[in-house]
Amino acid sequence: EGNEPGDFTKITYRELLHKVCQFANVLRSQGVKKGDRVSIYLPMILELVIAMLACARIGALHSIVFAGFSADSLCERILDCGCSLLIT
């Protein structure tokens, strides 16, 4: 479910697994490996869950910064966690 009432998406486990594996491969192609830190800056959409699960699948640590934060707040969080990739 999204932020708005009635804003939702249905997806099967098979579809979710396929999307997560695809995105995990994208992360690997960008050089992300086990133990790396990744920041995710997205609203409450399906891609947030996919990115989160893809990070977990390859063993990368993820930090979620919700889209309501300012650029300065995002910058501070990126520097604090020492992330190697930002997903927007």
N, C-alpha and C. Protein backbone atom coordinates (compact mmCIF):
# COMPACT_ATOMS: atom_id res chain seq x y z
N GLU A 1 0.84 -1.18 0.00
CA GLU A 1 0.00 0.00 0.00
C GLU A 1 0.88 1.24 0.00
N GLY A 2 0.43 2.23 -0.75
CA GLY A 2 1.15 3.49 -0.82
C GLY A 2 0.69 4.47 0.25
N ASN A 3 1.06 5.72 0.08
CA ASN A 3 0.69 6.75 1.06
C ASN A 3 -0.78 7.12 0.99
N GLU A 4 -1.35 7.11 -0.20
CA GLU A 4 -2.75 7.48 -0.39
C GLU A 4 -3.66 6.28 -0.15
N PRO A 5 -4.82 6.50 0.46
CA PRO A 5 -5.77 5.39 0.59
C PRO A 5 -6.20 4.92 -0.80
N GLY A 6 -6.22 3.67 -1.01
CA GLY A 6 -6.59 3.14 -2.32
C GLY A 6 -5.43 3.04 -3.30
N ASP A 7 -4.25 3.52 -2.91
CA ASP A 7 -3.05 3.42 -3.76
C ASP A 7 -2.33 2.13 -3.37
N PHE A 8 -2.50 1.10 -4.19
CA PHE A 8 -1.89 -0.19 -3.88
C PHE A 8 -1.54 -0.92 -5.16
N THR A 9 -0.67 -1.89 -5.03
CA THR A 9 -0.26 -2.73 -6.15
C THR A 9 -0.29 -4.18 -5.68
N LYS A 10 -0.76 -5.05 -6.54
CA LYS A 10 -0.73 -6.47 -6.25
C LYS A 10 0.35 -7.10 -7.11
N ILE A 11 1.11 -7.99 -6.49
CA ILE A 11 2.20 -8.66 -7.19
C ILE A 11 2.32 -10.07 -6.61
N THR A 12 2.61 -11.02 -7.46
CA THR A 12 2.78 -12.39 -6.97
C THR A 12 4.20 -12.55 -6.43
N TYR A 13 4.40 -13.59 -5.65
CA TYR A 13 5.73 -13.86 -5.13
C TYR A 13 6.71 -14.11 -6.28
N ARG A 14 6.28 -14.83 -7.30
CA ARG A 14 7.14 -15.12 -8.44
C ARG A 14 7.57 -13.83 -9.16
N GLU A 15 6.63 -12.89 -9.35
CA GLU A 15 6.97 -11.61 -9.99
C GLU A 15 7.94 -10.81 -9.12
N LEU A 16 7.68 -10.81 -7.82
CA LEU A 16 8.55 -10.09 -6.90
C LEU A 16 9.95 -10.67 -6.91
N LEU A 17 10.05 -12.00 -6.86
CA LEU A 17 11.35 -12.65 -6.89
C LEU A 17 12.11 -12.31 -8.17
N HIS A 18 11.40 -12.30 -9.29
CA HIS A 18 12.03 -11.98 -10.57
C HIS A 18 12.58 -10.55 -10.57
N LYS A 19 11.78 -9.60 -10.09
CA LYS A 19 12.21 -8.19 -10.04
C LYS A 19 13.37 -7.99 -9.06
N VAL A 20 13.32 -8.67 -7.92
CA VAL A 20 14.39 -8.56 -6.93
C VAL A 20 15.70 -9.11 -7.50
N CYS A 21 15.64 -10.26 -8.16
CA CYS A 21 16.85 -10.84 -8.76
C CYS A 21 17.40 -9.95 -9.86
N GLN A 22 16.52 -9.36 -10.66
CA GLN A 22 16.96 -8.44 -11.71
C GLN A 22 17.69 -7.25 -11.10
N PHE A 23 17.10 -6.67 -10.05
CA PHE A 23 17.72 -5.49 -9.45
C PHE A 23 18.99 -5.85 -8.69
N ALA A 24 19.04 -7.03 -8.12
CA ALA A 24 20.28 -7.48 -7.46
C ALA A 24 21.40 -7.57 -8.49
N ASN A 25 21.08 -8.02 -9.70
CA ASN A 25 22.08 -8.06 -10.77
C ASN A 25 22.52 -6.66 -11.18
N VAL A 26 21.59 -5.71 -11.18
CA VAL A 26 21.95 -4.32 -11.49
C VAL A 26 22.91 -3.80 -10.42
N LEU A 27 22.60 -4.07 -9.17
CA LEU A 27 23.50 -3.62 -8.09
C LEU A 27 24.89 -4.23 -8.24
N ARG A 28 24.94 -5.53 -8.53
CA ARG A 28 26.25 -6.18 -8.73
C ARG A 28 27.00 -5.55 -9.89
N SER A 29 26.29 -5.21 -10.97
CA SER A 29 26.95 -4.61 -12.13
C SER A 29 27.50 -3.22 -11.80
N GLN A 30 26.93 -2.58 -10.76
CA GLN A 30 27.43 -1.28 -10.32
C GLN A 30 28.54 -1.42 -9.28
N GLY A 31 28.95 -2.66 -9.01
CA GLY A 31 30.06 -2.90 -8.10
C GLY A 31 29.67 -3.08 -6.64
N VAL A 32 28.40 -3.17 -6.34
CA VAL A 32 27.95 -3.37 -4.96
C VAL A 32 28.16 -4.84 -4.59
N LYS A 33 28.78 -5.06 -3.43
CA LYS A 33 29.04 -6.42 -2.99
C LYS A 33 28.66 -6.57 -1.52
N LYS A 34 28.78 -7.78 -1.02
CA LYS A 34 28.42 -8.07 0.36
C LYS A 34 29.17 -7.14 1.31
N GLY A 35 28.43 -6.55 2.25
CA GLY A 35 29.03 -5.66 3.24
C GLY A 35 29.02 -4.19 2.84
N ASP A 36 28.80 -3.88 1.55
CA ASP A 36 28.71 -2.48 1.13
C ASP A 36 27.45 -1.85 1.70
N ARG A 37 27.47 -0.53 1.79
CA ARG A 37 26.31 0.20 2.29
C ARG A 37 25.64 0.96 1.15
N VAL A 38 24.32 0.86 1.10
CA VAL A 38 23.54 1.49 0.04
C VAL A 38 22.44 2.33 0.69
N SER A 39 22.25 3.56 0.22
CA SER A 39 21.14 4.39 0.68
C SER A 39 20.04 4.34 -0.36
N ILE A 40 18.81 4.29 0.13
CA ILE A 40 17.64 4.23 -0.75
C ILE A 40 16.78 5.45 -0.44
N TYR A 41 16.57 6.30 -1.45
CA TYR A 41 15.80 7.55 -1.29
C TYR A 41 14.60 7.48 -2.22
N LEU A 42 13.52 6.87 -1.73
CA LEU A 42 12.32 6.64 -2.54
C LEU A 42 11.06 6.86 -1.71
N PRO A 43 9.95 7.20 -2.37
CA PRO A 43 8.67 7.23 -1.65
C PRO A 43 8.16 5.80 -1.44
N MET A 44 7.00 5.67 -0.84
CA MET A 44 6.41 4.36 -0.58
C MET A 44 5.85 3.76 -1.87
N ILE A 45 6.72 3.17 -2.67
CA ILE A 45 6.33 2.52 -3.91
C ILE A 45 6.93 1.13 -3.95
N LEU A 46 6.47 0.32 -4.87
CA LEU A 46 6.94 -1.06 -4.97
C LEU A 46 8.45 -1.14 -5.17
N GLU A 47 9.01 -0.20 -5.89
CA GLU A 47 10.46 -0.21 -6.16
C GLU A 47 11.28 -0.08 -4.88
N LEU A 48 10.72 0.55 -3.85
CA LEU A 48 11.42 0.64 -2.56
C LEU A 48 11.61 -0.75 -1.98
N VAL A 49 10.55 -1.53 -1.99
CA VAL A 49 10.62 -2.90 -1.46
C VAL A 49 11.58 -3.74 -2.30
N ILE A 50 11.52 -3.59 -3.60
CA ILE A 50 12.41 -4.35 -4.50
C ILE A 50 13.86 -4.00 -4.22
N ALA A 51 14.17 -2.72 -4.08
CA ALA A 51 15.54 -2.29 -3.81
C ALA A 51 16.03 -2.82 -2.47
N MET A 52 15.16 -2.77 -1.46
CA MET A 52 15.50 -3.26 -0.13
C MET A 52 15.82 -4.76 -0.16
N LEU A 53 14.95 -5.52 -0.79
CA LEU A 53 15.14 -6.97 -0.87
C LEU A 53 16.35 -7.34 -1.72
N ALA A 54 16.62 -6.56 -2.77
CA ALA A 54 17.78 -6.83 -3.62
C ALA A 54 19.08 -6.61 -2.83
N CYS A 55 19.10 -5.57 -2.01
CA CYS A 55 20.27 -5.33 -1.16
C CYS A 55 20.47 -6.50 -0.20
N ALA A 56 19.39 -6.93 0.43
CA ALA A 56 19.48 -8.05 1.35
C ALA A 56 19.92 -9.32 0.63
N ARG A 57 19.47 -9.51 -0.59
CA ARG A 57 19.80 -10.72 -1.36
C ARG A 57 21.30 -10.84 -1.61
N ILE A 58 21.97 -9.70 -1.86
CA ILE A 58 23.41 -9.76 -2.14
C ILE A 58 24.26 -9.49 -0.90
N GLY A 59 23.60 -9.22 0.23
CA GLY A 59 24.34 -9.00 1.48
C GLY A 59 24.80 -7.58 1.70
N ALA A 60 24.23 -6.63 0.97
CA ALA A 60 24.57 -5.23 1.16
C ALA A 60 23.66 -4.64 2.24
N LEU A 61 24.21 -3.78 3.05
CA LEU A 61 23.43 -3.10 4.08
C LEU A 61 22.69 -1.94 3.44
N HIS A 62 21.44 -1.73 3.80
CA HIS A 62 20.69 -0.62 3.22
C HIS A 62 20.17 0.31 4.29
N SER A 63 20.12 1.58 3.92
CA SER A 63 19.58 2.62 4.79
C SER A 63 18.50 3.34 3.99
N ILE A 64 17.28 3.33 4.51
CA ILE A 64 16.17 3.96 3.80
C ILE A 64 16.00 5.38 4.30
N VAL A 65 16.02 6.32 3.36
CA VAL A 65 15.74 7.72 3.66
C VAL A 65 14.49 8.07 2.87
N PHE A 66 13.38 8.30 3.54
CA PHE A 66 12.13 8.55 2.84
C PHE A 66 12.17 9.87 2.10
N ALA A 67 11.45 9.94 1.02
CA ALA A 67 11.52 11.05 0.06
C ALA A 67 11.14 12.41 0.65
N GLY A 68 10.57 12.45 1.83
CA GLY A 68 10.20 13.71 2.44
C GLY A 68 11.38 14.48 3.02
N PHE A 69 12.54 13.87 3.16
CA PHE A 69 13.70 14.54 3.74
C PHE A 69 14.32 15.51 2.75
N SER A 70 14.93 16.55 3.27
CA SER A 70 15.58 17.55 2.42
C SER A 70 16.90 17.03 1.89
N ALA A 71 17.47 17.75 0.93
CA ALA A 71 18.75 17.36 0.34
C ALA A 71 19.86 17.37 1.40
N ASP A 72 19.81 18.34 2.33
CA ASP A 72 20.83 18.40 3.38
C ASP A 72 20.73 17.20 4.32
N SER A 73 19.51 16.81 4.67
CA SER A 73 19.31 15.65 5.53
C SER A 73 19.79 14.38 4.85
N LEU A 74 19.49 14.27 3.56
CA LEU A 74 19.95 13.12 2.78
C LEU A 74 21.47 13.07 2.74
N CYS A 75 22.09 14.20 2.51
CA CYS A 75 23.55 14.28 2.46
C CYS A 75 24.18 13.84 3.79
N GLU A 76 23.62 14.29 4.90
CA GLU A 76 24.14 13.92 6.21
C GLU A 76 24.05 12.41 6.43
N ARG A 77 22.95 11.82 6.05
CA ARG A 77 22.76 10.38 6.23
C ARG A 77 23.71 9.58 5.35
N ILE A 78 23.93 10.06 4.13
CA ILE A 78 24.86 9.37 3.22
C ILE A 78 26.27 9.41 3.80
N LEU A 79 26.68 10.57 4.29
CA LEU A 79 28.02 10.70 4.85
C LEU A 79 28.17 9.90 6.14
N ASP A 80 27.13 9.91 6.99
CA ASP A 80 27.19 9.17 8.25
C ASP A 80 27.35 7.67 8.04
N CYS A 81 26.64 7.12 7.07
CA CYS A 81 26.71 5.66 6.90
C CYS A 81 27.81 5.26 5.92
N GLY A 82 28.40 6.21 5.21
CA GLY A 82 29.47 5.89 4.27
C GLY A 82 29.01 5.01 3.13
N CYS A 83 27.85 5.35 2.57
CA CYS A 83 27.29 4.49 1.53
C CYS A 83 28.07 4.62 0.22
N SER A 84 28.05 3.54 -0.55
CA SER A 84 28.75 3.53 -1.83
C SER A 84 27.83 3.75 -3.00
N LEU A 85 26.51 3.73 -2.77
CA LEU A 85 25.53 3.90 -3.85
C LEU A 85 24.26 4.49 -3.28
N LEU A 86 23.64 5.39 -4.05
CA LEU A 86 22.35 5.97 -3.69
C LEU A 86 21.34 5.57 -4.74
N ILE A 87 20.24 4.97 -4.31
CA ILE A 87 19.16 4.58 -5.20
C ILE A 87 18.05 5.61 -5.07
N THR A 88 17.68 6.23 -6.19
CA THR A 88 16.61 7.25 -6.16
C THR A 88 15.53 6.87 -7.15
